[in-house]
């Protein structure tokens, strides 16, 4: 490597190091979705933050190299000639492959860890023969609040079997609780997506999909359908979901029980099949 090449390499390295430190500091301050309202959303946000931090120096290095090359090695005005021939740099190639491999192995390790947690029953399962438990609110595996999400054209209904099967058009959850969400549909395929909770599960007729939520902070969240389900799919949104205090949840659920908020839908089933159409209707 010539002295000129070493000078260019040193300039690039110093500029990359300085800009990478600045970029990483900025990346760590960025607030990424979906937030920290539940353990699931916190995990997702943390993973996105990590990937942003790792990718920032790579992005800066690529862009910096392109811009530096465009200015430092540009052809002189009026000249029309080929540039000097280069046959690669072995040390640079080895360093690039090694650094890339390290990044890939780190991300692979995180992915394997996440899959292991999922397979142990902490994120999502599916069953065609479910049984809704009647556990009360709690923080252990045996004391999870069970909530059934029933999708239909074009809204969601929420049932609380531990409280007499009361129903609501809004999903209200107590804070500091482990929640099992049972997702099914009465007609066609929908998709339950509680954005700020970091939870998403398909709503299929005849299937009980399970999603798990551990609520950490109070606040509102939005529920929407994430599966094209007909002409009013875009209207299948509920902005009144909320994680509330334990006391507020007890008051709210008692109000539903007092009002007899049941049987908005057909009688309770673990899952639903579309009702057969009557000829001529």
C-alpha atoms as a PDB file:
ATOM      1  CA  UNK A   1       0.000   0.000   0.000  1.00  0.00           C
ATOM      2  CA  UNK A   2       1.456   3.328  -1.062  1.00  0.00           C
ATOM      3  CA  UNK A   3       1.799   6.366   1.181  1.00  0.00           C
ATOM      4  CA  UNK A   4      -1.096   8.031  -0.669  1.00  0.00           C
ATOM      5  CA  UNK A   5      -3.307   5.003  -0.136  1.00  0.00           C
ATOM      6  CA  UNK A   6      -2.400   4.912   3.562  1.00  0.00           C
ATOM      7  CA  UNK A   7      -3.305   8.573   3.854  1.00  0.00           C
ATOM      8  CA  UNK A   8      -6.708   7.990   2.282  1.00  0.00           C
ATOM      9  CA  UNK A   9      -7.278   4.936   4.497  1.00  0.00           C
ATOM     10  CA  UNK A  10      -6.319   6.860   7.639  1.00  0.00           C
ATOM     11  CA  UNK A  11      -8.648   9.731   6.750  1.00  0.00           C
ATOM     12  CA  UNK A  12     -11.509   7.317   6.144  1.00  0.00           C
ATOM     13  CA  UNK A  13     -10.838   5.416   9.357  1.00  0.00           C
ATOM     14  CA  UNK A  14     -10.721   8.538  11.532  1.00  0.00           C
ATOM     15  CA  UNK A  15     -13.833  10.042   9.912  1.00  0.00           C
ATOM     16  CA  UNK A  16     -15.675   6.712  10.227  1.00  0.00           C
ATOM     17  CA  UNK A  17     -14.745   6.319  13.914  1.00  0.00           C
ATOM     18  CA  UNK A  18     -15.832   9.855  14.823  1.00  0.00           C
ATOM     19  CA  UNK A  19     -19.075   9.726  12.837  1.00  0.00           C
ATOM     20  CA  UNK A  20     -19.865   6.221  14.140  1.00  0.00           C
ATOM     21  CA  UNK A  21     -19.552   7.333  17.768  1.00  0.00           C
ATOM     22  CA  UNK A  22     -21.826  10.291  17.074  1.00  0.00           C
ATOM     23  CA  UNK A  23     -24.256   8.096  15.125  1.00  0.00           C
ATOM     24  CA  UNK A  24     -24.429   5.422  17.840  1.00  0.00           C
ATOM     25  CA  UNK A  25     -25.077   8.037  20.534  1.00  0.00           C
ATOM     26  CA  UNK A  26     -27.907   9.488  18.443  1.00  0.00           C
ATOM     27  CA  UNK A  27     -29.292   5.999  17.677  1.00  0.00           C
ATOM     28  CA  UNK A  28     -29.416   5.195  21.386  1.00  0.00           C
ATOM     29  CA  UNK A  29     -31.573   8.277  21.986  1.00  0.00           C
ATOM     30  CA  UNK A  30     -34.130   7.411  19.313  1.00  0.00           C
ATOM     31  CA  UNK A  31     -37.463   6.186  20.708  1.00  0.00           C
ATOM     32  CA  UNK A  32     -38.508   3.245  18.565  1.00  0.00           C
ATOM     33  CA  UNK A  33     -41.902   1.510  18.414  1.00  0.00           C
ATOM     34  CA  UNK A  34     -43.838  -0.198  19.793  1.00  0.00           C
ATOM     35  CA  UNK A  35     -42.764   1.169  23.212  1.00  0.00           C
ATOM     36  CA  UNK A  36     -42.597  -0.184  26.752  1.00  0.00           C
ATOM     37  CA  UNK A  37     -46.214  -0.744  27.752  1.00  0.00           C
ATOM     38  CA  UNK A  38     -45.744  -4.525  27.978  1.00  0.00           C
ATOM     39  CA  UNK A  39     -42.848  -6.932  28.299  1.00  0.00           C
ATOM     40  CA  UNK A  40     -43.406  -8.021  24.714  1.00  0.00           C
ATOM     41  CA  UNK A  41     -43.279  -4.485  23.326  1.00  0.00           C
ATOM     42  CA  UNK A  42     -40.234  -3.726  25.484  1.00  0.00           C
ATOM     43  CA  UNK A  43     -38.434  -6.764  24.066  1.00  0.00           C
ATOM     44  CA  UNK A  44     -39.321  -5.734  20.502  1.00  0.00           C
ATOM     45  CA  UNK A  45     -38.187  -2.153  21.062  1.00  0.00           C
ATOM     46  CA  UNK A  46     -34.940  -3.347  22.628  1.00  0.00           C
ATOM     47  CA  UNK A  47     -34.210  -5.619  19.680  1.00  0.00           C
ATOM     48  CA  UNK A  48     -34.913  -2.837  17.177  1.00  0.00           C
ATOM     49  CA  UNK A  49     -32.693  -0.501  19.186  1.00  0.00           C
ATOM     50  CA  UNK A  50     -29.861  -3.051  19.167  1.00  0.00           C
ATOM     51  CA  UNK A  51     -30.153  -3.594  15.419  1.00  0.00           C
ATOM     52  CA  UNK A  52     -30.148   0.176  14.857  1.00  0.00           C
ATOM     53  CA  UNK A  53     -27.005   0.592  16.973  1.00  0.00           C
ATOM     54  CA  UNK A  54     -25.219  -2.258  15.172  1.00  0.00           C
ATOM     55  CA  UNK A  55     -26.235  -1.126  11.701  1.00  0.00           C
ATOM     56  CA  UNK A  56     -25.370   2.553  12.226  1.00  0.00           C
ATOM     57  CA  UNK A  57     -21.551   2.158  11.915  1.00  0.00           C
ATOM     58  CA  UNK A  58     -22.024  -0.128   8.904  1.00  0.00           C
ATOM     59  CA  UNK A  59     -24.310   2.378   7.208  1.00  0.00           C
ATOM     60  CA  UNK A  60     -21.934   5.261   7.981  1.00  0.00           C
ATOM     61  CA  UNK A  61     -18.960   3.278   6.657  1.00  0.00           C
ATOM     62  CA  UNK A  62     -20.623   2.461   3.337  1.00  0.00           C
ATOM     63  CA  UNK A  63     -21.976   5.974   2.750  1.00  0.00           C
ATOM     64  CA  UNK A  64     -18.710   7.596   3.834  1.00  0.00           C
ATOM     65  CA  UNK A  65     -16.667   5.413   1.475  1.00  0.00           C
ATOM     66  CA  UNK A  66     -18.942   6.244  -1.465  1.00  0.00           C
ATOM     67  CA  UNK A  67     -18.898   9.986  -0.773  1.00  0.00           C
ATOM     68  CA  UNK A  68     -15.161  10.082  -0.105  1.00  0.00           C
ATOM     69  CA  UNK A  69     -14.458   8.161  -3.308  1.00  0.00           C
ATOM     70  CA  UNK A  70     -16.707  10.459  -5.329  1.00  0.00           C
ATOM     71  CA  UNK A  71     -14.756  13.538  -4.193  1.00  0.00           C
ATOM     72  CA  UNK A  72     -11.222  12.263  -3.597  1.00  0.00           C
ATOM     73  CA  UNK A  73     -10.923  10.082  -6.695  1.00  0.00           C
ATOM     74  CA  UNK A  74     -13.046  11.996  -9.145  1.00  0.00           C
ATOM     75  CA  UNK A  75     -11.682  12.469 -12.629  1.00  0.00           C
ATOM     76  CA  UNK A  76     -10.150  15.808 -13.507  1.00  0.00           C
ATOM     77  CA  UNK A  77     -12.244  18.147 -15.576  1.00  0.00           C
ATOM     78  CA  UNK A  78     -11.703  17.543 -19.290  1.00  0.00           C
ATOM     79  CA  UNK A  79      -9.779  14.294 -18.774  1.00  0.00           C
ATOM     80  CA  UNK A  80     -10.990  11.117 -20.419  1.00  0.00           C
ATOM     81  CA  UNK A  81      -8.872   8.200 -19.234  1.00  0.00           C
ATOM     82  CA  UNK A  82      -9.118   5.033 -17.182  1.00  0.00           C
ATOM     83  CA  UNK A  83      -8.173   5.150 -13.553  1.00  0.00           C
ATOM     84  CA  UNK A  84      -5.353   3.023 -12.105  1.00  0.00           C
ATOM     85  CA  UNK A  85      -6.030  -0.704 -11.863  1.00  0.00           C
ATOM     86  CA  UNK A  86      -6.665  -2.155  -8.404  1.00  0.00           C
ATOM     87  CA  UNK A  87      -6.681  -5.849  -7.588  1.00  0.00           C
ATOM     88  CA  UNK A  88      -8.171  -5.718  -4.101  1.00  0.00           C
ATOM     89  CA  UNK A  89      -6.739  -5.532  -0.598  1.00  0.00           C
ATOM     90  CA  UNK A  90      -6.461  -8.844   1.208  1.00  0.00           C
ATOM     91  CA  UNK A  91      -6.385  -7.383   4.725  1.00  0.00           C
ATOM     92  CA  UNK A  92      -9.404  -5.205   4.020  1.00  0.00           C
ATOM     93  CA  UNK A  93     -11.320  -8.165   2.623  1.00  0.00           C
ATOM     94  CA  UNK A  94     -10.492 -10.340   5.652  1.00  0.00           C
ATOM     95  CA  UNK A  95     -11.484  -7.577   8.065  1.00  0.00           C
ATOM     96  CA  UNK A  96     -14.783  -6.980   6.230  1.00  0.00           C
ATOM     97  CA  UNK A  97     -15.695 -10.680   6.238  1.00  0.00           C
ATOM     98  CA  UNK A  98     -14.684 -11.114   9.890  1.00  0.00           C
ATOM     99  CA  UNK A  99     -16.638  -8.080  11.121  1.00  0.00           C
ATOM    100  CA  UNK A 100     -19.687  -9.112   9.085  1.00  0.00           C
ATOM    101  CA  UNK A 101     -19.488 -12.661  10.475  1.00  0.00           C
ATOM    102  CA  UNK A 102     -19.344 -11.381  14.051  1.00  0.00           C
ATOM    103  CA  UNK A 103     -22.433  -9.200  13.504  1.00  0.00           C
ATOM    104  CA  UNK A 104     -24.333 -12.074  11.876  1.00  0.00           C
ATOM    105  CA  UNK A 105     -23.448 -14.481  14.701  1.00  0.00           C
ATOM    106  CA  UNK A 106     -24.574 -11.954  17.334  1.00  0.00           C
ATOM    107  CA  UNK A 107     -27.921 -11.463  15.609  1.00  0.00           C
ATOM    108  CA  UNK A 108     -28.261 -15.236  15.074  1.00  0.00           C
ATOM    109  CA  UNK A 109     -27.677 -15.815  18.785  1.00  0.00           C
ATOM    110  CA  UNK A 110     -30.382 -13.315  19.668  1.00  0.00           C
ATOM    111  CA  UNK A 111     -32.750 -14.950  17.184  1.00  0.00           C
ATOM    112  CA  UNK A 112     -32.098 -18.442  18.554  1.00  0.00           C
ATOM    113  CA  UNK A 113     -32.648 -17.171  22.091  1.00  0.00           C
ATOM    114  CA  UNK A 114     -35.953 -15.620  21.038  1.00  0.00           C
ATOM    115  CA  UNK A 115     -37.094 -18.806  19.326  1.00  0.00           C
ATOM    116  CA  UNK A 116     -36.197 -20.832  22.412  1.00  0.00           C
ATOM    117  CA  UNK A 117     -38.345 -18.521  24.537  1.00  0.00           C
ATOM    118  CA  UNK A 118     -41.186 -18.828  22.029  1.00  0.00           C
ATOM    119  CA  UNK A 119     -41.034 -22.622  21.969  1.00  0.00           C
ATOM    120  CA  UNK A 120     -41.187 -22.699  25.766  1.00  0.00           C
ATOM    121  CA  UNK A 121     -44.633 -21.110  25.605  1.00  0.00           C
ATOM    122  CA  UNK A 122     -43.930 -17.475  26.380  1.00  0.00           C
ATOM    123  CA  UNK A 123     -45.114 -15.887  23.172  1.00  0.00           C
ATOM    124  CA  UNK A 124     -47.512 -17.621  20.799  1.00  0.00           C
ATOM    125  CA  UNK A 125     -49.191 -20.992  20.309  1.00  0.00           C
ATOM    126  CA  UNK A 126     -52.108 -22.321  18.290  1.00  0.00           C
ATOM    127  CA  UNK A 127     -54.687 -24.968  19.032  1.00  0.00           C
ATOM    128  CA  UNK A 128     -57.919 -26.326  17.624  1.00  0.00           C
ATOM    129  CA  UNK A 129     -58.909 -27.902  20.943  1.00  0.00           C
ATOM    130  CA  UNK A 130     -58.375 -25.170  23.541  1.00  0.00           C
ATOM    131  CA  UNK A 131     -59.835 -24.793  26.996  1.00  0.00           C
ATOM    132  CA  UNK A 132     -60.109 -21.334  28.512  1.00  0.00           C
ATOM    133  CA  UNK A 133     -59.024 -21.369  32.126  1.00  0.00           C
ATOM    134  CA  UNK A 134     -60.832 -19.283  34.712  1.00  0.00           C
ATOM    135  CA  UNK A 135     -57.773 -17.969  36.501  1.00  0.00           C
ATOM    136  CA  UNK A 136     -57.859 -14.554  38.106  1.00  0.00           C
ATOM    137  CA  UNK A 137     -55.363 -11.768  37.663  1.00  0.00           C
ATOM    138  CA  UNK A 138     -51.873 -12.665  38.837  1.00  0.00           C
ATOM    139  CA  UNK A 139     -48.205 -12.795  38.007  1.00  0.00           C
ATOM    140  CA  UNK A 140     -47.533 -16.537  37.989  1.00  0.00           C
ATOM    141  CA  UNK A 141     -48.082 -19.071  35.247  1.00  0.00           C
ATOM    142  CA  UNK A 142     -51.051 -20.499  37.137  1.00  0.00           C
ATOM    143  CA  UNK A 143     -52.702 -17.120  37.682  1.00  0.00           C
ATOM    144  CA  UNK A 144     -53.029 -15.525  34.272  1.00  0.00           C
ATOM    145  CA  UNK A 145     -55.920 -13.376  33.233  1.00  0.00           C
ATOM    146  CA  UNK A 146     -57.701 -15.071  30.333  1.00  0.00           C
ATOM    147  CA  UNK A 147     -59.229 -12.851  27.665  1.00  0.00           C
ATOM    148  CA  UNK A 148     -60.949 -14.057  24.510  1.00  0.00           C
ATOM    149  CA  UNK A 149     -60.688 -11.867  21.420  1.00  0.00           C
ATOM    150  CA  UNK A 150     -63.486 -12.588  18.952  1.00  0.00           C
ATOM    151  CA  UNK A 151     -63.124 -11.050  15.503  1.00  0.00           C
ATOM    152  CA  UNK A 152     -65.961 -10.533  13.057  1.00  0.00           C
ATOM    153  CA  UNK A 153     -66.790  -8.220  10.198  1.00  0.00           C
ATOM    154  CA  UNK A 154     -65.923  -5.580  11.222  1.00  0.00           C
ATOM    155  CA  UNK A 155     -64.996  -5.212  14.888  1.00  0.00           C
ATOM    156  CA  UNK A 156     -63.507  -7.090  17.837  1.00  0.00           C
ATOM    157  CA  UNK A 157     -65.334  -8.233  20.953  1.00  0.00           C
ATOM    158  CA  UNK A 158     -63.541  -9.157  24.180  1.00  0.00           C
ATOM    159  CA  UNK A 159     -64.761 -11.752  26.688  1.00  0.00           C
ATOM    160  CA  UNK A 160     -63.519 -12.251  30.240  1.00  0.00           C
ATOM    161  CA  UNK A 161     -64.411 -15.843  31.232  1.00  0.00           C
ATOM    162  CA  UNK A 162     -63.061 -15.459  34.778  1.00  0.00           C
ATOM    163  CA  UNK A 163     -65.704 -12.785  35.401  1.00  0.00           C
ATOM    164  CA  UNK A 164     -68.814 -14.579  34.208  1.00  0.00           C
ATOM    165  CA  UNK A 165     -68.042 -14.180  30.519  1.00  0.00           C
ATOM    166  CA  UNK A 166     -68.780 -10.456  30.407  1.00  0.00           C
ATOM    167  CA  UNK A 167     -68.116  -8.816  27.070  1.00  0.00           C
ATOM    168  CA  UNK A 168     -66.728  -5.474  26.001  1.00  0.00           C
ATOM    169  CA  UNK A 169     -66.082  -3.699  22.729  1.00  0.00           C
ATOM    170  CA  UNK A 170     -62.840  -2.343  24.197  1.00  0.00           C
ATOM    171  CA  UNK A 171     -59.860  -4.315  25.502  1.00  0.00           C
ATOM    172  CA  UNK A 172     -59.067  -3.219  29.059  1.00  0.00           C
ATOM    173  CA  UNK A 173     -56.223  -4.931  30.943  1.00  0.00           C
ATOM    174  CA  UNK A 174     -54.844  -4.497  34.470  1.00  0.00           C
ATOM    175  CA  UNK A 175     -51.243  -3.389  34.909  1.00  0.00           C
ATOM    176  CA  UNK A 176     -48.562  -5.739  36.303  1.00  0.00           C
ATOM    177  CA  UNK A 177     -50.428  -8.815  35.096  1.00  0.00           C
ATOM    178  CA  UNK A 178     -49.783 -11.837  32.927  1.00  0.00           C
ATOM    179  CA  UNK A 179     -52.509 -12.102  30.296  1.00  0.00           C
ATOM    180  CA  UNK A 180     -53.370 -14.950  27.931  1.00  0.00           C
ATOM    181  CA  UNK A 181     -55.226 -13.711  24.867  1.00  0.00           C
ATOM    182  CA  UNK A 182     -57.316 -16.294  22.975  1.00  0.00           C
ATOM    183  CA  UNK A 183     -57.955 -15.127  19.438  1.00  0.00           C
ATOM    184  CA  UNK A 184     -60.662 -16.586  17.194  1.00  0.00           C
ATOM    185  CA  UNK A 185     -63.123 -15.465  14.499  1.00  0.00           C
ATOM    186  CA  UNK A 186     -66.802 -15.971  13.771  1.00  0.00           C
ATOM    187  CA  UNK A 187     -66.630 -15.498  10.013  1.00  0.00           C
ATOM    188  CA  UNK A 188     -63.431 -15.079   7.974  1.00  0.00           C
ATOM    189  CA  UNK A 189     -59.724 -14.604   8.641  1.00  0.00           C
ATOM    190  CA  UNK A 190     -58.825 -11.463  10.590  1.00  0.00           C
ATOM    191  CA  UNK A 191     -55.673 -10.480  12.459  1.00  0.00           C
ATOM    192  CA  UNK A 192     -55.661  -9.063  15.987  1.00  0.00           C
ATOM    193  CA  UNK A 193     -52.934  -6.436  16.379  1.00  0.00           C
ATOM    194  CA  UNK A 194     -52.502  -4.521  19.624  1.00  0.00           C
ATOM    195  CA  UNK A 195     -49.724  -2.270  18.396  1.00  0.00           C
ATOM    196  CA  UNK A 196     -48.402  -0.697  21.607  1.00  0.00           C
ATOM    197  CA  UNK A 197     -48.569  -4.048  23.428  1.00  0.00           C
ATOM    198  CA  UNK A 198     -46.366  -5.704  20.809  1.00  0.00           C
ATOM    199  CA  UNK A 199     -48.932  -8.450  20.223  1.00  0.00           C
ATOM    200  CA  UNK A 200     -50.252  -9.771  16.927  1.00  0.00           C
ATOM    201  CA  UNK A 201     -52.155 -13.006  16.237  1.00  0.00           C
ATOM    202  CA  UNK A 202     -54.308 -14.298  13.389  1.00  0.00           C
ATOM    203  CA  UNK A 203     -58.010 -14.720  14.070  1.00  0.00           C
ATOM    204  CA  UNK A 204     -59.110 -17.851  12.205  1.00  0.00           C
ATOM    205  CA  UNK A 205     -62.523 -19.543  12.347  1.00  0.00           C
ATOM    206  CA  UNK A 206     -62.322 -22.819  14.231  1.00  0.00           C
ATOM    207  CA  UNK A 207     -58.911 -22.056  15.735  1.00  0.00           C
ATOM    208  CA  UNK A 208     -57.876 -20.659  19.104  1.00  0.00           C
ATOM    209  CA  UNK A 209     -54.602 -18.751  18.706  1.00  0.00           C
ATOM    210  CA  UNK A 210     -52.904 -17.841  21.955  1.00  0.00           C
ATOM    211  CA  UNK A 211     -50.809 -14.741  22.546  1.00  0.00           C
ATOM    212  CA  UNK A 212     -49.206 -13.720  25.841  1.00  0.00           C
ATOM    213  CA  UNK A 213     -48.928 -10.232  27.307  1.00  0.00           C
ATOM    214  CA  UNK A 214     -47.232  -9.053  30.476  1.00  0.00           C
ATOM    215  CA  UNK A 215     -48.443  -5.510  31.162  1.00  0.00           C
ATOM    216  CA  UNK A 216     -45.873  -3.124  32.655  1.00  0.00           C
ATOM    217  CA  UNK A 217     -47.235   0.421  32.398  1.00  0.00           C
ATOM    218  CA  UNK A 218     -50.654   2.028  32.271  1.00  0.00           C
ATOM    219  CA  UNK A 219     -51.732   3.854  29.148  1.00  0.00           C
ATOM    220  CA  UNK A 220     -53.892   3.606  26.053  1.00  0.00           C
ATOM    221  CA  UNK A 221     -53.238   1.428  23.025  1.00  0.00           C
ATOM    222  CA  UNK A 222     -54.736   0.842  19.606  1.00  0.00           C
ATOM    223  CA  UNK A 223     -56.196  -2.410  18.312  1.00  0.00           C
ATOM    224  CA  UNK A 224     -56.622  -2.888  14.595  1.00  0.00           C
ATOM    225  CA  UNK A 225     -57.166  -5.707  12.118  1.00  0.00           C
ATOM    226  CA  UNK A 226     -53.999  -6.479  10.161  1.00  0.00           C
ATOM    227  CA  UNK A 227     -55.597  -8.856   7.629  1.00  0.00           C
ATOM    228  CA  UNK A 228     -57.610  -7.638   4.646  1.00  0.00           C
ATOM    229  CA  UNK A 229     -61.083  -8.823   5.654  1.00  0.00           C
ATOM    230  CA  UNK A 230     -63.570  -7.083   3.402  1.00  0.00           C
ATOM    231  CA  UNK A 231     -64.867  -3.714   2.372  1.00  0.00           C
ATOM    232  CA  UNK A 232     -64.798  -2.181   5.874  1.00  0.00           C
ATOM    233  CA  UNK A 233     -61.421  -3.623   6.883  1.00  0.00           C
ATOM    234  CA  UNK A 234     -59.965  -0.135   7.295  1.00  0.00           C
ATOM    235  CA  UNK A 235     -62.688   0.718   9.810  1.00  0.00           C
ATOM    236  CA  UNK A 236     -61.828  -2.229  12.071  1.00  0.00           C
ATOM    237  CA  UNK A 237     -59.898  -0.094  14.554  1.00  0.00           C
ATOM    238  CA  UNK A 238     -60.342   0.477  18.275  1.00  0.00           C
ATOM    239  CA  UNK A 239     -58.376   3.354  19.799  1.00  0.00           C
ATOM    240  CA  UNK A 240     -59.902   2.900  23.273  1.00  0.00           C
ATOM    241  CA  UNK A 241     -57.850  -0.049  24.489  1.00  0.00           C
ATOM    242  CA  UNK A 242     -56.069   0.632  27.764  1.00  0.00           C
ATOM    243  CA  UNK A 243     -53.866  -0.790  30.477  1.00  0.00           C
ATOM    244  CA  UNK A 244     -55.216   0.513  33.774  1.00  0.00           C
ATOM    245  CA  UNK A 245     -54.449   0.119  37.453  1.00  0.00           C
ATOM    246  CA  UNK A 246     -55.612  -2.990  39.283  1.00  0.00           C
ATOM    247  CA  UNK A 247     -58.205  -0.941  41.180  1.00  0.00           C
ATOM    248  CA  UNK A 248     -59.554   0.706  38.022  1.00  0.00           C
ATOM    249  CA  UNK A 249     -59.768  -2.662  36.298  1.00  0.00           C
ATOM    250  CA  UNK A 250     -61.722  -4.141  39.223  1.00  0.00           C
ATOM    251  CA  UNK A 251     -64.125  -1.181  39.108  1.00  0.00           C
ATOM    252  CA  UNK A 252     -64.514  -1.439  35.334  1.00  0.00           C
ATOM    253  CA  UNK A 253     -65.141  -5.198  35.317  1.00  0.00           C
ATOM    254  CA  UNK A 254     -67.632  -4.840  38.180  1.00  0.00           C
ATOM    255  CA  UNK A 255     -69.508  -2.271  36.099  1.00  0.00           C
ATOM    256  CA  UNK A 256     -69.699  -4.700  33.189  1.00  0.00           C
ATOM    257  CA  UNK A 257     -71.015  -7.440  35.466  1.00  0.00           C
ATOM    258  CA  UNK A 258     -73.599  -5.124  36.968  1.00  0.00           C
ATOM    259  CA  UNK A 259     -74.771  -4.026  33.533  1.00  0.00           C
ATOM    260  CA  UNK A 260     -75.033  -7.656  32.419  1.00  0.00           C
ATOM    261  CA  UNK A 261     -72.723  -7.068  29.469  1.00  0.00           C
ATOM    262  CA  UNK A 262     -72.988 -10.550  28.004  1.00  0.00           C
ATOM    263  CA  UNK A 263     -74.318 -12.276  24.914  1.00  0.00           C
ATOM    264  CA  UNK A 264     -73.492  -9.585  22.383  1.00  0.00           C
ATOM    265  CA  UNK A 265     -72.299 -12.549  20.356  1.00  0.00           C
ATOM    266  CA  UNK A 266     -73.578 -16.129  20.171  1.00  0.00           C
ATOM    267  CA  UNK A 267     -73.150 -18.178  23.361  1.00  0.00           C
ATOM    268  CA  UNK A 268     -69.572 -18.702  24.452  1.00  0.00           C
ATOM    269  CA  UNK A 269     -67.455 -21.212  22.508  1.00  0.00           C
ATOM    270  CA  UNK A 270     -63.693 -21.756  22.738  1.00  0.00           C
ATOM    271  CA  UNK A 271     -63.636 -21.025  19.012  1.00  0.00           C
ATOM    272  CA  UNK A 272     -66.163 -20.354  16.253  1.00  0.00           C
ATOM    273  CA  UNK A 273     -66.983 -21.536  12.776  1.00  0.00           C
ATOM    274  CA  UNK A 274     -68.823 -19.282  10.307  1.00  0.00           C
ATOM    275  CA  UNK A 275     -72.579 -19.700  10.535  1.00  0.00           C
ATOM    276  CA  UNK A 276     -73.988 -21.531   7.496  1.00  0.00           C
ATOM    277  CA  UNK A 277     -75.772 -19.263   5.084  1.00  0.00           C
ATOM    278  CA  UNK A 278     -79.479 -19.784   4.641  1.00  0.00           C
ATOM    279  CA  UNK A 279     -80.555 -20.011   1.000  1.00  0.00           C
ATOM    280  CA  UNK A 280     -82.101 -16.789  -0.218  1.00  0.00           C
ATOM    281  CA  UNK A 281     -80.465 -14.551   2.472  1.00  0.00           C
END
